[in-house]
Amino acid sequence: MELTKERAVSAPEALKIMEKRQKDGELSYEQQNTLTHLEKTAKMPVKDADALEKALTGLDLKLSDKQMAMLITLLPKNADEIRQILAQEKTDATDEQVKAVLDAVKSAQ
């Protein structure tokens, strides 16, 4: 398989991709392990993850694909966790922006 494109995806989106691949044919050992892990750890369905992504995109905060995927996958429970995710790519956020992200995450759960 040739790599044509690379981007960060959330756990719910990765689960959807792996389930589609499973329907298309037999998974390799590593792919099956990944699917099993995602089934256990994905915290929300893809539909809810898509809604959360739209809510986060609507905020006045420039989030990278990686940050967006981490927020959706980890569903941070407090402002400190959000700040840690944002700090990985040196994104500055005001207290109001962090609170808005936290409110969006909480409403998605």
N, C-alpha and C. Protein backbone atom coordinates (compact mmCIF):
# COMPACT_ATOMS: atom_id res chain seq x y z
N MET A 1 0.84 -1.17 0.00
CA MET A 1 0.00 0.00 0.00
C MET A 1 0.89 1.24 0.00
N GLU A 2 0.59 2.17 -0.88
CA GLU A 2 1.39 3.38 -1.01
C GLU A 2 0.73 4.53 -0.24
N LEU A 3 1.54 5.26 0.49
CA LEU A 3 1.06 6.41 1.24
C LEU A 3 0.83 7.56 0.27
N THR A 4 -0.41 8.05 0.21
CA THR A 4 -0.72 9.14 -0.70
C THR A 4 -0.97 10.45 0.04
N LYS A 5 -1.41 10.34 1.29
CA LYS A 5 -1.72 11.54 2.05
C LYS A 5 -1.62 11.19 3.53
N GLU A 6 -1.22 12.17 4.32
CA GLU A 6 -1.09 11.95 5.76
C GLU A 6 -1.75 13.10 6.49
N ARG A 7 -2.55 12.77 7.52
CA ARG A 7 -3.16 13.78 8.38
C ARG A 7 -3.53 13.14 9.70
N ALA A 8 -3.63 13.96 10.72
CA ALA A 8 -4.01 13.47 12.05
C ALA A 8 -5.51 13.23 12.07
N VAL A 9 -5.91 12.11 12.67
CA VAL A 9 -7.33 11.80 12.81
C VAL A 9 -7.62 11.43 14.26
N SER A 10 -8.85 11.66 14.67
CA SER A 10 -9.26 11.31 16.03
C SER A 10 -9.51 9.80 16.11
N ALA A 11 -9.60 9.31 17.34
CA ALA A 11 -9.87 7.87 17.54
C ALA A 11 -11.19 7.45 16.91
N PRO A 12 -12.29 8.22 17.06
CA PRO A 12 -13.53 7.80 16.41
C PRO A 12 -13.41 7.71 14.88
N GLU A 13 -12.68 8.66 14.28
CA GLU A 13 -12.50 8.62 12.83
C GLU A 13 -11.61 7.44 12.42
N ALA A 14 -10.58 7.18 13.20
CA ALA A 14 -9.70 6.03 12.92
C ALA A 14 -10.49 4.73 13.02
N LEU A 15 -11.39 4.64 14.00
CA LEU A 15 -12.23 3.45 14.15
C LEU A 15 -13.10 3.27 12.92
N LYS A 16 -13.68 4.34 12.43
CA LYS A 16 -14.52 4.27 11.23
C LYS A 16 -13.70 3.77 10.03
N ILE A 17 -12.48 4.28 9.89
CA ILE A 17 -11.61 3.86 8.79
C ILE A 17 -11.29 2.37 8.90
N MET A 18 -10.95 1.93 10.11
CA MET A 18 -10.59 0.52 10.30
C MET A 18 -11.79 -0.41 10.08
N GLU A 19 -12.97 0.01 10.51
CA GLU A 19 -14.17 -0.81 10.28
C GLU A 19 -14.47 -0.92 8.79
N LYS A 20 -14.25 0.15 8.04
CA LYS A 20 -14.45 0.10 6.59
C LYS A 20 -13.44 -0.85 5.95
N ARG A 21 -12.19 -0.77 6.39
CA ARG A 21 -11.18 -1.67 5.84
C ARG A 21 -11.50 -3.14 6.16
N GLN A 22 -12.06 -3.37 7.34
CA GLN A 22 -12.42 -4.74 7.72
C GLN A 22 -13.52 -5.28 6.80
N LYS A 23 -14.46 -4.42 6.43
CA LYS A 23 -15.53 -4.84 5.52
C LYS A 23 -14.99 -5.11 4.13
N ASP A 24 -13.95 -4.36 3.73
CA ASP A 24 -13.38 -4.51 2.39
C ASP A 24 -12.52 -5.76 2.24
N GLY A 25 -12.02 -6.29 3.35
CA GLY A 25 -11.17 -7.48 3.27
C GLY A 25 -10.58 -7.80 4.62
N GLU A 26 -9.82 -8.87 4.66
CA GLU A 26 -9.21 -9.31 5.91
C GLU A 26 -8.12 -8.34 6.35
N LEU A 27 -8.10 -8.07 7.65
CA LEU A 27 -7.11 -7.17 8.21
C LEU A 27 -5.85 -7.94 8.58
N SER A 28 -4.72 -7.25 8.50
CA SER A 28 -3.47 -7.85 8.96
C SER A 28 -3.51 -7.94 10.49
N TYR A 29 -2.54 -8.61 11.05
CA TYR A 29 -2.45 -8.75 12.51
C TYR A 29 -2.41 -7.38 13.19
N GLU A 30 -1.57 -6.49 12.68
CA GLU A 30 -1.44 -5.16 13.27
C GLU A 30 -2.72 -4.35 13.13
N GLN A 31 -3.36 -4.45 11.97
CA GLN A 31 -4.61 -3.74 11.75
C GLN A 31 -5.71 -4.26 12.68
N GLN A 32 -5.76 -5.56 12.88
CA GLN A 32 -6.76 -6.14 13.78
C GLN A 32 -6.53 -5.68 15.21
N ASN A 33 -5.26 -5.62 15.63
CA ASN A 33 -4.93 -5.11 16.97
C ASN A 33 -5.35 -3.64 17.11
N THR A 34 -5.11 -2.87 16.07
CA THR A 34 -5.51 -1.46 16.08
C THR A 34 -7.02 -1.33 16.19
N LEU A 35 -7.74 -2.12 15.43
CA LEU A 35 -9.21 -2.09 15.47
C LEU A 35 -9.71 -2.46 16.86
N THR A 36 -9.17 -3.49 17.45
CA THR A 36 -9.57 -3.91 18.79
C THR A 36 -9.29 -2.80 19.81
N HIS A 37 -8.14 -2.19 19.72
CA HIS A 37 -7.79 -1.10 20.63
C HIS A 37 -8.75 0.08 20.47
N LEU A 38 -9.03 0.46 19.24
CA LEU A 38 -9.93 1.59 18.98
C LEU A 38 -11.35 1.30 19.46
N GLU A 39 -11.80 0.08 19.31
CA GLU A 39 -13.14 -0.29 19.79
C GLU A 39 -13.25 -0.11 21.30
N LYS A 40 -12.15 -0.34 21.99
CA LYS A 40 -12.14 -0.21 23.45
C LYS A 40 -11.95 1.23 23.92
N THR A 41 -11.26 2.04 23.13
CA THR A 41 -10.86 3.36 23.62
C THR A 41 -11.58 4.55 23.00
N ALA A 42 -12.19 4.39 21.85
CA ALA A 42 -12.91 5.52 21.23
C ALA A 42 -14.07 5.89 22.15
N LYS A 43 -14.11 7.15 22.56
CA LYS A 43 -15.05 7.57 23.59
C LYS A 43 -16.39 8.08 23.05
N MET A 44 -16.51 8.21 21.73
CA MET A 44 -17.76 8.70 21.16
C MET A 44 -17.90 8.22 19.73
N PRO A 45 -19.14 8.16 19.23
CA PRO A 45 -19.33 7.78 17.82
C PRO A 45 -18.83 8.88 16.88
N VAL A 46 -18.59 8.52 15.63
CA VAL A 46 -18.07 9.45 14.64
C VAL A 46 -19.01 10.64 14.46
N LYS A 47 -20.30 10.40 14.48
CA LYS A 47 -21.28 11.48 14.29
C LYS A 47 -21.09 12.56 15.36
N ASP A 48 -20.93 12.15 16.62
CA ASP A 48 -20.71 13.11 17.70
C ASP A 48 -19.35 13.77 17.59
N ALA A 49 -18.35 13.02 17.13
CA ALA A 49 -17.01 13.59 16.95
C ALA A 49 -17.04 14.65 15.85
N ASP A 50 -17.80 14.40 14.79
CA ASP A 50 -17.92 15.39 13.72
C ASP A 50 -18.60 16.66 14.22
N ALA A 51 -19.62 16.49 15.06
CA ALA A 51 -20.32 17.65 15.63
C ALA A 51 -19.37 18.45 16.53
N LEU A 52 -18.56 17.76 17.31
CA LEU A 52 -17.60 18.44 18.18
C LEU A 52 -16.56 19.17 17.33
N GLU A 53 -16.11 18.55 16.27
CA GLU A 53 -15.13 19.21 15.39
C GLU A 53 -15.71 20.49 14.81
N LYS A 54 -16.97 20.45 14.39
CA LYS A 54 -17.60 21.66 13.86
C LYS A 54 -17.70 22.73 14.94
N ALA A 55 -18.04 22.34 16.16
CA ALA A 55 -18.14 23.31 17.26
C ALA A 55 -16.77 23.93 17.55
N LEU A 56 -15.73 23.11 17.55
CA LEU A 56 -14.39 23.62 17.82
C LEU A 56 -13.89 24.51 16.68
N THR A 57 -14.25 24.16 15.46
CA THR A 57 -13.85 24.95 14.30
C THR A 57 -14.51 26.34 14.35
N GLY A 58 -15.71 26.40 14.89
CA GLY A 58 -16.43 27.65 14.99
C GLY A 58 -15.88 28.62 16.02
N LEU A 59 -15.00 28.15 16.87
CA LEU A 59 -14.39 29.02 17.87
C LEU A 59 -13.30 29.88 17.23
N ASP A 60 -13.04 31.02 17.83
CA ASP A 60 -12.01 31.92 17.31
C ASP A 60 -10.64 31.48 17.80
N LEU A 61 -10.23 30.29 17.36
CA LEU A 61 -8.97 29.70 17.78
C LEU A 61 -8.45 28.84 16.64
N LYS A 62 -7.25 29.09 16.20
CA LYS A 62 -6.69 28.33 15.08
C LYS A 62 -6.08 27.03 15.61
N LEU A 63 -6.83 25.94 15.41
CA LEU A 63 -6.36 24.62 15.86
C LEU A 63 -5.81 23.84 14.68
N SER A 64 -4.70 23.17 14.88
CA SER A 64 -4.15 22.30 13.84
C SER A 64 -4.96 21.00 13.81
N ASP A 65 -4.76 20.22 12.75
CA ASP A 65 -5.43 18.92 12.66
C ASP A 65 -5.05 18.04 13.85
N LYS A 66 -3.79 18.11 14.24
CA LYS A 66 -3.31 17.30 15.35
C LYS A 66 -3.99 17.70 16.66
N GLN A 67 -4.09 19.00 16.91
CA GLN A 67 -4.74 19.47 18.13
C GLN A 67 -6.22 19.09 18.13
N MET A 68 -6.87 19.25 16.98
CA MET A 68 -8.28 18.90 16.87
C MET A 68 -8.47 17.41 17.16
N ALA A 69 -7.64 16.57 16.58
CA ALA A 69 -7.74 15.13 16.81
C ALA A 69 -7.51 14.79 18.27
N MET A 70 -6.56 15.44 18.90
CA MET A 70 -6.28 15.17 20.31
C MET A 70 -7.44 15.60 21.20
N LEU A 71 -8.02 16.76 20.92
CA LEU A 71 -9.15 17.22 21.72
C LEU A 71 -10.33 16.25 21.61
N ILE A 72 -10.59 15.76 20.40
CA ILE A 72 -11.71 14.84 20.19
C ILE A 72 -11.41 13.46 20.77
N THR A 73 -10.19 13.01 20.66
CA THR A 73 -9.82 11.70 21.18
C THR A 73 -9.77 11.67 22.70
N LEU A 74 -9.14 12.68 23.29
CA LEU A 74 -8.91 12.69 24.73
C LEU A 74 -10.07 13.25 25.54
N LEU A 75 -10.88 14.11 24.91
CA LEU A 75 -11.99 14.77 25.61
C LEU A 75 -11.53 15.32 26.96
N PRO A 76 -10.67 16.34 26.93
CA PRO A 76 -10.11 16.88 28.18
C PRO A 76 -11.21 17.33 29.14
N LYS A 77 -10.93 17.14 30.43
CA LYS A 77 -11.94 17.40 31.45
C LYS A 77 -11.74 18.73 32.17
N ASN A 78 -10.60 19.39 31.95
CA ASN A 78 -10.38 20.68 32.61
C ASN A 78 -9.48 21.56 31.74
N ALA A 79 -9.38 22.82 32.16
CA ALA A 79 -8.62 23.81 31.40
C ALA A 79 -7.14 23.46 31.28
N ASP A 80 -6.57 22.87 32.32
CA ASP A 80 -5.15 22.51 32.27
C ASP A 80 -4.87 21.49 31.18
N GLU A 81 -5.75 20.51 31.03
CA GLU A 81 -5.57 19.51 29.98
C GLU A 81 -5.66 20.15 28.59
N ILE A 82 -6.58 21.09 28.44
CA ILE A 82 -6.71 21.78 27.15
C ILE A 82 -5.45 22.60 26.87
N ARG A 83 -4.97 23.30 27.86
CA ARG A 83 -3.75 24.11 27.68
C ARG A 83 -2.55 23.23 27.31
N GLN A 84 -2.47 22.03 27.86
CA GLN A 84 -1.37 21.12 27.51
C GLN A 84 -1.45 20.71 26.04
N ILE A 85 -2.65 20.44 25.57
CA ILE A 85 -2.82 20.06 24.16
C ILE A 85 -2.45 21.23 23.26
N LEU A 86 -2.91 22.42 23.61
CA LEU A 86 -2.61 23.61 22.80
C LEU A 86 -1.13 23.98 22.85
N ALA A 87 -0.49 23.74 23.97
CA ALA A 87 0.92 24.11 24.14
C ALA A 87 1.85 23.26 23.27
N GLN A 88 1.42 22.08 22.87
CA GLN A 88 2.28 21.22 22.07
C GLN A 88 2.67 21.87 20.74
N GLU A 89 1.79 22.73 20.24
CA GLU A 89 2.11 23.44 19.00
C GLU A 89 2.15 24.95 19.22
N LYS A 90 2.39 25.30 20.48
CA LYS A 90 2.57 26.70 20.87
C LYS A 90 1.40 27.60 20.45
N THR A 91 0.19 27.11 20.65
CA THR A 91 -1.01 27.90 20.37
C THR A 91 -1.39 28.67 21.63
N ASP A 92 -1.45 29.97 21.52
CA ASP A 92 -1.86 30.80 22.65
C ASP A 92 -3.38 30.89 22.67
N ALA A 93 -3.94 30.76 23.86
CA ALA A 93 -5.38 30.85 24.01
C ALA A 93 -5.70 31.65 25.27
N THR A 94 -6.70 32.50 25.16
CA THR A 94 -7.15 33.25 26.32
C THR A 94 -7.95 32.33 27.23
N ASP A 95 -8.19 32.79 28.44
CA ASP A 95 -9.01 32.01 29.36
C ASP A 95 -10.41 31.78 28.78
N GLU A 96 -10.94 32.77 28.09
CA GLU A 96 -12.27 32.64 27.49
C GLU A 96 -12.27 31.58 26.38
N GLN A 97 -11.22 31.54 25.58
CA GLN A 97 -11.13 30.54 24.51
C GLN A 97 -11.01 29.13 25.09
N VAL A 98 -10.21 28.98 26.12
CA VAL A 98 -10.06 27.68 26.78
C VAL A 98 -11.40 27.24 27.37
N LYS A 99 -12.10 28.18 28.00
CA LYS A 99 -13.42 27.86 28.56
C LYS A 99 -14.39 27.46 27.45
N ALA A 100 -14.34 28.13 26.31
CA ALA A 100 -15.21 27.79 25.19
C ALA A 100 -14.91 26.39 24.66
N VAL A 101 -13.63 26.03 24.59
CA VAL A 101 -13.24 24.67 24.17
C VAL A 101 -13.77 23.67 25.19
N LEU A 102 -13.58 23.94 26.46
CA LEU A 102 -14.04 23.04 27.51
C LEU A 102 -15.56 22.87 27.46
N ASP A 103 -16.28 23.95 27.24
CA ASP A 103 -17.74 23.87 27.14
C ASP A 103 -18.17 23.05 25.93
N ALA A 104 -17.47 23.21 24.81
CA ALA A 104 -17.79 22.43 23.60
C ALA A 104 -17.56 20.94 23.84
N VAL A 105 -16.45 20.62 24.50
CA VAL A 105 -16.13 19.22 24.79
C VAL A 105 -17.16 18.63 25.74
N LYS A 106 -17.51 19.37 26.77
CA LYS A 106 -18.49 18.87 27.75
C LYS A 106 -19.85 18.67 27.11
N SER A 107 -20.26 19.56 26.24
CA SER A 107 -21.58 19.43 25.61
C SER A 107 -21.62 18.27 24.61
N ALA A 108 -20.46 17.86 24.11
CA ALA A 108 -20.42 16.74 23.16
C ALA A 108 -20.50 15.38 23.84
N GLN A 109 -20.25 15.35 25.13
CA GLN A 109 -20.23 14.06 25.83
C GLN A 109 -21.60 13.60 26.21
